[in-house]
Amino acid sequence: STLQYVQTLVSVEMKKGIPSDRIIIGGSGQGATVAMLAGILLSVRLAGIICIGGQLPETIAALPSGESLSTPFFFFRSPDDFLAQ
């Protein structure tokens, strides 16, 4: 799945010696949703998650891992976006 792919990318970078707190992931629309899911479900703290549009189902938003609670999330959306209220 796309989520597993993003999680693998983060893992590969960490194995190269890049600390997780120096990694930022992000996306727009569906990519923002994937970035949010990855940030919530990863078992490490990231430098940040950048989301342009996109949204999470409420049931998923309630399942963060312990380390992900300290990852900063940055959300951007248009005031005209009626889906993300």
PDB file of N, CA and C in Angstrom:
ATOM      1  N   SER A   1       0.829  -1.194   0.000  1.00  0.00           N
ATOM      2  CA  SER A   1       0.000   0.000   0.000  1.00  0.00           C
ATOM      3  C   SER A   1       0.877   1.263   0.000  1.00  0.00           C
ATOM      4  N   THR A   2       0.285   2.382  -0.288  1.00  0.00           N
ATOM      5  CA  THR A   2       1.012   3.649  -0.293  1.00  0.00           C
ATOM      6  C   THR A   2       1.549   3.974   1.090  1.00  0.00           C
ATOM      7  N   LEU A   3       0.767   3.709   2.100  1.00  0.00           N
ATOM      8  CA  LEU A   3       1.199   3.966   3.480  1.00  0.00           C
ATOM      9  C   LEU A   3       2.439   3.145   3.814  1.00  0.00           C
ATOM     10  N   GLN A   4       2.435   1.877   3.461  1.00  0.00           N
ATOM     11  CA  GLN A   4       3.604   1.029   3.717  1.00  0.00           C
ATOM     12  C   GLN A   4       4.818   1.534   2.952  1.00  0.00           C
ATOM     13  N   TYR A   5       4.602   2.025   1.741  1.00  0.00           N
ATOM     14  CA  TYR A   5       5.702   2.557   0.932  1.00  0.00           C
ATOM     15  C   TYR A   5       6.345   3.767   1.626  1.00  0.00           C
ATOM     16  N   VAL A   6       5.524   4.680   2.124  1.00  0.00           N
ATOM     17  CA  VAL A   6       6.048   5.861   2.816  1.00  0.00           C
ATOM     18  C   VAL A   6       6.784   5.441   4.088  1.00  0.00           C
ATOM     19  N   GLN A   7       6.215   4.503   4.827  1.00  0.00           N
ATOM     20  CA  GLN A   7       6.874   4.017   6.032  1.00  0.00           C
ATOM     21  C   GLN A   7       8.224   3.376   5.692  1.00  0.00           C
ATOM     22  N   THR A   8       8.291   2.658   4.567  1.00  0.00           N
ATOM     23  CA  THR A   8       9.550   2.054   4.121  1.00  0.00           C
ATOM     24  C   THR A   8      10.563   3.131   3.758  1.00  0.00           C
ATOM     25  N   LEU A   9      10.122   4.177   3.071  1.00  0.00           N
ATOM     26  CA  LEU A   9      11.026   5.278   2.718  1.00  0.00           C
ATOM     27  C   LEU A   9      11.642   5.904   3.961  1.00  0.00           C
ATOM     28  N   VAL A  10      10.833   6.141   4.968  1.00  0.00           N
ATOM     29  CA  VAL A  10      11.342   6.708   6.218  1.00  0.00           C
ATOM     30  C   VAL A  10      12.354   5.752   6.851  1.00  0.00           C
ATOM     31  N   SER A  11      12.033   4.468   6.871  1.00  0.00           N
ATOM     32  CA  SER A  11      12.929   3.468   7.446  1.00  0.00           C
ATOM     33  C   SER A  11      14.260   3.408   6.706  1.00  0.00           C
ATOM     34  N   VAL A  12      14.230   3.478   5.376  1.00  0.00           N
ATOM     35  CA  VAL A  12      15.454   3.451   4.567  1.00  0.00           C
ATOM     36  C   VAL A  12      16.332   4.655   4.895  1.00  0.00           C
ATOM     37  N   GLU A  13      15.730   5.824   5.003  1.00  0.00           N
ATOM     38  CA  GLU A  13      16.511   7.025   5.315  1.00  0.00           C
ATOM     39  C   GLU A  13      17.134   6.931   6.704  1.00  0.00           C
ATOM     40  N   MET A  14      16.388   6.364   7.649  1.00  0.00           N
ATOM     41  CA  MET A  14      16.925   6.201   8.999  1.00  0.00           C
ATOM     42  C   MET A  14      18.096   5.214   8.997  1.00  0.00           C
ATOM     43  N   LYS A  15      17.998   4.150   8.192  1.00  0.00           N
ATOM     44  CA  LYS A  15      19.100   3.183   8.101  1.00  0.00           C
ATOM     45  C   LYS A  15      20.341   3.802   7.468  1.00  0.00           C
ATOM     46  N   LYS A  16      20.150   4.858   6.671  1.00  0.00           N
ATOM     47  CA  LYS A  16      21.276   5.584   6.084  1.00  0.00           C
ATOM     48  C   LYS A  16      21.938   6.510   7.101  1.00  0.00           C
ATOM     49  N   GLY A  17      21.352   6.620   8.275  1.00  0.00           N
ATOM     50  CA  GLY A  17      21.922   7.456   9.322  1.00  0.00           C
ATOM     51  C   GLY A  17      21.222   8.774   9.550  1.00  0.00           C
ATOM     52  N   ILE A  18      20.131   9.021   8.858  1.00  0.00           N
ATOM     53  CA  ILE A  18      19.383  10.269   9.054  1.00  0.00           C
ATOM     54  C   ILE A  18      18.448  10.080  10.246  1.00  0.00           C
ATOM     55  N   PRO A  19      18.604  10.893  11.288  1.00  0.00           N
ATOM     56  CA  PRO A  19      17.720  10.757  12.454  1.00  0.00           C
ATOM     57  C   PRO A  19      16.264  11.051  12.068  1.00  0.00           C
ATOM     58  N   SER A  20      15.352  10.324  12.678  1.00  0.00           N
ATOM     59  CA  SER A  20      13.933  10.518  12.353  1.00  0.00           C
ATOM     60  C   SER A  20      13.479  11.950  12.610  1.00  0.00           C
ATOM     61  N   ASP A  21      14.074  12.615  13.597  1.00  0.00           N
ATOM     62  CA  ASP A  21      13.651  13.987  13.893  1.00  0.00           C
ATOM     63  C   ASP A  21      14.241  15.011  12.917  1.00  0.00           C
ATOM     64  N   ARG A  22      14.834  14.522  11.802  1.00  0.00           N
ATOM     65  CA  ARG A  22      15.302  15.380  10.706  1.00  0.00           C
ATOM     66  C   ARG A  22      14.525  15.079   9.412  1.00  0.00           C
ATOM     67  N   ILE A  23      13.498  14.231   9.511  1.00  0.00           N
ATOM     68  CA  ILE A  23      12.726  13.816   8.340  1.00  0.00           C
ATOM     69  C   ILE A  23      11.358  14.480   8.376  1.00  0.00           C
ATOM     70  N   ILE A  24      10.977  15.077   7.243  1.00  0.00           N
ATOM     71  CA  ILE A  24       9.657  15.691   7.079  1.00  0.00           C
ATOM     72  C   ILE A  24       8.965  14.979   5.929  1.00  0.00           C
ATOM     73  N   ILE A  25       7.698  14.640   6.106  1.00  0.00           N
ATOM     74  CA  ILE A  25       6.918  14.101   4.996  1.00  0.00           C
ATOM     75  C   ILE A  25       5.695  14.982   4.818  1.00  0.00           C
ATOM     76  N   GLY A  26       5.172  14.995   3.612  1.00  0.00           N
ATOM     77  CA  GLY A  26       4.018  15.843   3.353  1.00  0.00           C
ATOM     78  C   GLY A  26       3.314  15.450   2.082  1.00  0.00           C
ATOM     79  N   GLY A  27       2.204  16.094   1.850  1.00  0.00           N
ATOM     80  CA  GLY A  27       1.444  15.821   0.649  1.00  0.00           C
ATOM     81  C   GLY A  27       0.286  16.776   0.499  1.00  0.00           C
ATOM     82  N   SER A  28      -0.362  16.639  -0.645  1.00  0.00           N
ATOM     83  CA  SER A  28      -1.516  17.469  -0.981  1.00  0.00           C
ATOM     84  C   SER A  28      -2.687  16.551  -1.318  1.00  0.00           C
ATOM     85  N   GLY A  29      -3.869  16.884  -0.822  1.00  0.00           N
ATOM     86  CA  GLY A  29      -5.050  16.067  -1.101  1.00  0.00           C
ATOM     87  C   GLY A  29      -4.893  14.676  -0.513  1.00  0.00           C
ATOM     88  N   GLN A  30      -5.002  13.641  -1.365  1.00  0.00           N
ATOM     89  CA  GLN A  30      -4.844  12.272  -0.878  1.00  0.00           C
ATOM     90  C   GLN A  30      -3.437  12.043  -0.321  1.00  0.00           C
ATOM     91  N   GLY A  31      -2.440  12.716  -0.890  1.00  0.00           N
ATOM     92  CA  GLY A  31      -1.081  12.615  -0.373  1.00  0.00           C
ATOM     93  C   GLY A  31      -0.980  13.162   1.035  1.00  0.00           C
ATOM     94  N   ALA A  32      -1.760  14.195   1.338  1.00  0.00           N
ATOM     95  CA  ALA A  32      -1.783  14.745   2.698  1.00  0.00           C
ATOM     96  C   ALA A  32      -2.374  13.724   3.663  1.00  0.00           C
ATOM     97  N   THR A  33      -3.390  13.017   3.220  1.00  0.00           N
ATOM     98  CA  THR A  33      -3.993  11.983   4.051  1.00  0.00           C
ATOM     99  C   THR A  33      -2.984  10.881   4.342  1.00  0.00           C
ATOM    100  N   VAL A  34      -2.228  10.468   3.329  1.00  0.00           N
ATOM    101  CA  VAL A  34      -1.188   9.447   3.527  1.00  0.00           C
ATOM    102  C   VAL A  34      -0.118   9.962   4.484  1.00  0.00           C
ATOM    103  N   ALA A  35       0.305  11.210   4.309  1.00  0.00           N
ATOM    104  CA  ALA A  35       1.318  11.788   5.196  1.00  0.00           C
ATOM    105  C   ALA A  35       0.821  11.826   6.638  1.00  0.00           C
ATOM    106  N   MET A  36      -0.429  12.213   6.832  1.00  0.00           N
ATOM    107  CA  MET A  36      -0.983  12.241   8.186  1.00  0.00           C
ATOM    108  C   MET A  36      -1.022  10.849   8.792  1.00  0.00           C
ATOM    109  N   LEU A  37      -1.499   9.867   8.009  1.00  0.00           N
ATOM    110  CA  LEU A  37      -1.550   8.493   8.507  1.00  0.00           C
ATOM    111  C   LEU A  37      -0.162   7.993   8.883  1.00  0.00           C
ATOM    112  N   ALA A  38       0.806   8.225   8.019  1.00  0.00           N
ATOM    113  CA  ALA A  38       2.174   7.785   8.301  1.00  0.00           C
ATOM    114  C   ALA A  38       2.687   8.449   9.576  1.00  0.00           C
ATOM    115  N   GLY A  39       2.457   9.740   9.707  1.00  0.00           N
ATOM    116  CA  GLY A  39       2.924  10.461  10.889  1.00  0.00           C
ATOM    117  C   GLY A  39       2.288   9.975  12.170  1.00  0.00           C
ATOM    118  N   ILE A  40       1.035   9.602  12.096  1.00  0.00           N
ATOM    119  CA  ILE A  40       0.320   9.117  13.277  1.00  0.00           C
ATOM    120  C   ILE A  40       0.732   7.693  13.644  1.00  0.00           C
ATOM    121  N   LEU A  41       0.945   6.858  12.632  1.00  0.00           N
ATOM    122  CA  LEU A  41       1.175   5.439  12.885  1.00  0.00           C
ATOM    123  C   LEU A  41       2.642   5.035  13.016  1.00  0.00           C
ATOM    124  N   LEU A  42       3.571   5.879  12.573  1.00  0.00           N
ATOM    125  CA  LEU A  42       4.985   5.549  12.735  1.00  0.00           C
ATOM    126  C   LEU A  42       5.343   5.516  14.214  1.00  0.00           C
ATOM    127  N   SER A  43       6.277   4.680  14.565  1.00  0.00           N
ATOM    128  CA  SER A  43       6.659   4.543  15.976  1.00  0.00           C
ATOM    129  C   SER A  43       7.847   5.433  16.336  1.00  0.00           C
ATOM    130  N   VAL A  44       8.082   6.470  15.528  1.00  0.00           N
ATOM    131  CA  VAL A  44       9.175   7.406  15.793  1.00  0.00           C
ATOM    132  C   VAL A  44       8.662   8.837  15.672  1.00  0.00           C
ATOM    133  N   ARG A  45       9.381   9.764  16.283  1.00  0.00           N
ATOM    134  CA  ARG A  45       9.056  11.184  16.143  1.00  0.00           C
ATOM    135  C   ARG A  45       9.731  11.688  14.884  1.00  0.00           C
ATOM    136  N   LEU A  46       8.973  12.354  14.023  1.00  0.00           N
ATOM    137  CA  LEU A  46       9.520  12.976  12.819  1.00  0.00           C
ATOM    138  C   LEU A  46       9.685  14.473  13.053  1.00  0.00           C
ATOM    139  N   ALA A  47      10.434  15.120  12.155  1.00  0.00           N
ATOM    140  CA  ALA A  47      10.602  16.574  12.254  1.00  0.00           C
ATOM    141  C   ALA A  47       9.289  17.282  11.973  1.00  0.00           C
ATOM    142  N   GLY A  48       8.443  16.680  11.169  1.00  0.00           N
ATOM    143  CA  GLY A  48       7.156  17.296  10.899  1.00  0.00           C
ATOM    144  C   GLY A  48       6.396  16.611   9.783  1.00  0.00           C
ATOM    145  N   ILE A  49       5.105  16.903   9.757  1.00  0.00           N
ATOM    146  CA  ILE A  49       4.200  16.448   8.707  1.00  0.00           C
ATOM    147  C   ILE A  49       3.556  17.702   8.138  1.00  0.00           C
ATOM    148  N   ILE A  50       3.634  17.872   6.810  1.00  0.00           N
ATOM    149  CA  ILE A  50       3.033  19.029   6.149  1.00  0.00           C
ATOM    150  C   ILE A  50       1.875  18.540   5.290  1.00  0.00           C
ATOM    151  N   CYS A  51       0.695  19.086   5.536  1.00  0.00           N
ATOM    152  CA  CYS A  51      -0.513  18.640   4.842  1.00  0.00           C
ATOM    153  C   CYS A  51      -1.197  19.827   4.177  1.00  0.00           C
ATOM    154  N   ILE A  52      -1.405  19.704   2.877  1.00  0.00           N
ATOM    155  CA  ILE A  52      -2.153  20.717   2.126  1.00  0.00           C
ATOM    156  C   ILE A  52      -3.449  20.066   1.696  1.00  0.00           C
ATOM    157  N   GLY A  53      -4.534  20.466   2.333  1.00  0.00           N
ATOM    158  CA  GLY A  53      -5.808  19.799   2.092  1.00  0.00           C
ATOM    159  C   GLY A  53      -5.782  18.433   2.764  1.00  0.00           C
ATOM    160  N   GLY A  54      -6.639  17.547   2.337  1.00  0.00           N
ATOM    161  CA  GLY A  54      -6.679  16.207   2.909  1.00  0.00           C
ATOM    162  C   GLY A  54      -7.334  16.197   4.270  1.00  0.00           C
ATOM    163  N   GLN A  55      -7.715  15.005   4.692  1.00  0.00           N
ATOM    164  CA  GLN A  55      -8.330  14.858   6.004  1.00  0.00           C
ATOM    165  C   GLN A  55      -8.226  13.414   6.445  1.00  0.00           C
ATOM    166  N   LEU A  56      -8.414  13.168   7.731  1.00  0.00           N
ATOM    167  CA  LEU A  56      -8.382  11.821   8.286  1.00  0.00           C
ATOM    168  C   LEU A  56      -9.756  11.425   8.787  1.00  0.00           C
ATOM    169  N   PRO A  57     -10.100  10.152   8.634  1.00  0.00           N
ATOM    170  CA  PRO A  57     -11.324   9.689   9.299  1.00  0.00           C
ATOM    171  C   PRO A  57     -11.134   9.811  10.806  1.00  0.00           C
ATOM    172  N   GLU A  58     -12.162  10.168  11.518  1.00  0.00           N
ATOM    173  CA  GLU A  58     -12.063  10.360  12.964  1.00  0.00           C
ATOM    174  C   GLU A  58     -11.587   9.105  13.681  1.00  0.00           C
ATOM    175  N   THR A  59     -11.936   7.933  13.194  1.00  0.00           N
ATOM    176  CA  THR A  59     -11.529   6.694  13.856  1.00  0.00           C
ATOM    177  C   THR A  59     -10.021   6.502  13.784  1.00  0.00           C
ATOM    178  N   ILE A  60      -9.388   6.903  12.698  1.00  0.00           N
ATOM    179  CA  ILE A  60      -7.938   6.774  12.548  1.00  0.00           C
ATOM    180  C   ILE A  60      -7.230   7.823  13.410  1.00  0.00           C
ATOM    181  N   ALA A  61      -7.770   9.017  13.473  1.00  0.00           N
ATOM    182  CA  ALA A  61      -7.133  10.112  14.214  1.00  0.00           C
ATOM    183  C   ALA A  61      -7.000   9.779  15.697  1.00  0.00           C
ATOM    184  N   ALA A  62      -7.745   8.814  16.186  1.00  0.00           N
ATOM    185  CA  ALA A  62      -7.704   8.477  17.600  1.00  0.00           C
ATOM    186  C   ALA A  62      -6.672   7.399  17.920  1.00  0.00           C
ATOM    187  N   LEU A  63      -5.853   6.988  16.933  1.00  0.00           N
ATOM    188  CA  LEU A  63      -4.930   5.871  17.140  1.00  0.00           C
ATOM    189  C   LEU A  63      -3.455   6.227  16.992  1.00  0.00           C
ATOM    190  N   PRO A  64      -2.988   7.351  17.497  1.00  0.00           N
ATOM    191  CA  PRO A  64      -1.562   7.680  17.322  1.00  0.00           C
ATOM    192  C   PRO A  64      -0.659   6.772  18.138  1.00  0.00           C
ATOM    193  N   SER A  65       0.555   6.544  17.615  1.00  0.00           N
ATOM    194  CA  SER A  65       1.551   5.801  18.398  1.00  0.00           C
ATOM    195  C   SER A  65       2.123   6.746  19.444  1.00  0.00           C
ATOM    196  N   GLY A  66       2.796   6.209  20.451  1.00  0.00           N
ATOM    197  CA  GLY A  66       3.343   7.023  21.534  1.00  0.00           C
ATOM    198  C   GLY A  66       4.320   8.084  21.057  1.00  0.00           C
ATOM    199  N   GLU A  67       5.285   7.691  20.227  1.00  0.00           N
ATOM    200  CA  GLU A  67       6.299   8.634  19.753  1.00  0.00           C
ATOM    201  C   GLU A  67       5.714   9.673  18.803  1.00  0.00           C
ATOM    202  N   SER A  68       4.720   9.286  18.026  1.00  0.00           N
ATOM    203  CA  SER A  68       4.175  10.219  17.034  1.00  0.00           C
ATOM    204  C   SER A  68       3.444  11.393  17.691  1.00  0.00           C
ATOM    205  N   LEU A  69       3.100  11.268  18.952  1.00  0.00           N
ATOM    206  CA  LEU A  69       2.406  12.361  19.637  1.00  0.00           C
ATOM    207  C   LEU A  69       3.242  13.631  19.695  1.00  0.00           C
ATOM    208  N   SER A  70       4.567  13.496  19.593  1.00  0.00           N
ATOM    209  CA  SER A  70       5.427  14.675  19.657  1.00  0.00           C
ATOM    210  C   SER A  70       5.832  15.196  18.270  1.00  0.00           C
ATOM    211  N   THR A  71       5.340  14.570  17.202  1.00  0.00           N
ATOM    212  CA  THR A  71       5.625  15.039  15.839  1.00  0.00           C
ATOM    213  C   THR A  71       4.757  16.260  15.537  1.00  0.00           C
ATOM    214  N   PRO A  72       5.350  17.375  15.094  1.00  0.00           N
ATOM    215  CA  PRO A  72       4.535  18.544  14.727  1.00  0.00           C
ATOM    216  C   PRO A  72       3.794  18.304  13.401  1.00  0.00           C
ATOM    217  N   PHE A  73       2.544  18.692  13.372  1.00  0.00           N
ATOM    218  CA  PHE A  73       1.725  18.610  12.159  1.00  0.00           C
ATOM    219  C   PHE A  73       1.373  20.026  11.724  1.00  0.00           C
ATOM    220  N   PHE A  74       1.524  20.308  10.431  1.00  0.00           N
ATOM    221  CA  PHE A  74       1.186  21.615   9.871  1.00  0.00           C
ATOM    222  C   PHE A  74       0.118  21.406   8.810  1.00  0.00           C
ATOM    223  N   PHE A  75      -1.047  22.030   9.001  1.00  0.00           N
ATOM    224  CA  PHE A  75      -2.170  21.871   8.089  1.00  0.00           C
ATOM    225  C   PHE A  75      -2.430  23.173   7.354  1.00  0.00           C
ATOM    226  N   PHE A  76      -2.602  23.066   6.067  1.00  0.00           N
ATOM    227  CA  PHE A  76      -2.945  24.218   5.240  1.00  0.00           C
ATOM    228  C   PHE A  76      -4.142  23.849   4.382  1.00  0.00           C
ATOM    229  N   ARG A  77      -5.103  24.749   4.290  1.00  0.00           N
ATOM    230  CA  ARG A  77      -6.249  24.517   3.427  1.00  0.00           C
ATOM    231  C   ARG A  77      -6.873  25.850   3.067  1.00  0.00           C
ATOM    232  N   SER A  78      -7.651  25.809   2.027  1.00  0.00           N
ATOM    233  CA  SER A  78      -8.364  26.999   1.577  1.00  0.00           C
ATOM    234  C   SER A  78      -9.572  27.225   2.483  1.00  0.00           C
ATOM    235  N   PRO A  79      -9.892  28.484   2.766  1.00  0.00           N
ATOM    236  CA  PRO A  79     -11.110  28.733   3.546  1.00  0.00           C
ATOM    237  C   PRO A  79     -12.364  28.286   2.784  1.00  0.00           C
ATOM    238  N   ASP A  80     -12.235  28.086   1.480  1.00  0.00           N
ATOM    239  CA  ASP A  80     -13.362  27.642   0.664  1.00  0.00           C
ATOM    240  C   ASP A  80     -13.490  26.125   0.605  1.00  0.00           C
ATOM    241  N   ASP A  81     -12.591  25.400   1.270  1.00  0.00           N
ATOM    242  CA  ASP A  81     -12.610  23.936   1.255  1.00  0.00           C
ATOM    243  C   ASP A  81     -13.737  23.444   2.152  1.00  0.00           C
ATOM    244  N   PHE A  82     -14.844  23.056   1.558  1.00  0.00           N
ATOM    245  CA  PHE A  82     -16.011  22.659   2.341  1.00  0.00           C
ATOM    246  C   PHE A  82     -15.858  21.244   2.932  1.00  0.00           C
ATOM    247  N   LEU A  83     -14.881  20.453   2.445  1.00  0.00           N
ATOM    248  CA  LEU A  83     -14.693  19.105   2.979  1.00  0.00           C
ATOM    249  C   LEU A  83     -13.941  19.096   4.302  1.00  0.00           C
ATOM    250  N   ALA A  84     -13.026  20.034   4.479  1.00  0.00           N
ATOM    251  CA  ALA A  84     -12.229  20.085   5.712  1.00  0.00           C
ATOM    252  C   ALA A  84     -12.708  21.245   6.564  1.00  0.00           C
ATOM    253  N   GLN A  85     -13.605  20.956   7.466  1.00  0.00           N
ATOM    254  CA  GLN A  85     -14.162  22.027   8.297  1.00  0.00           C
ATOM    255  C   GLN A  85     -13.797  21.830   9.739  1.00  0.00           C
TER     256      GLN A  85
END
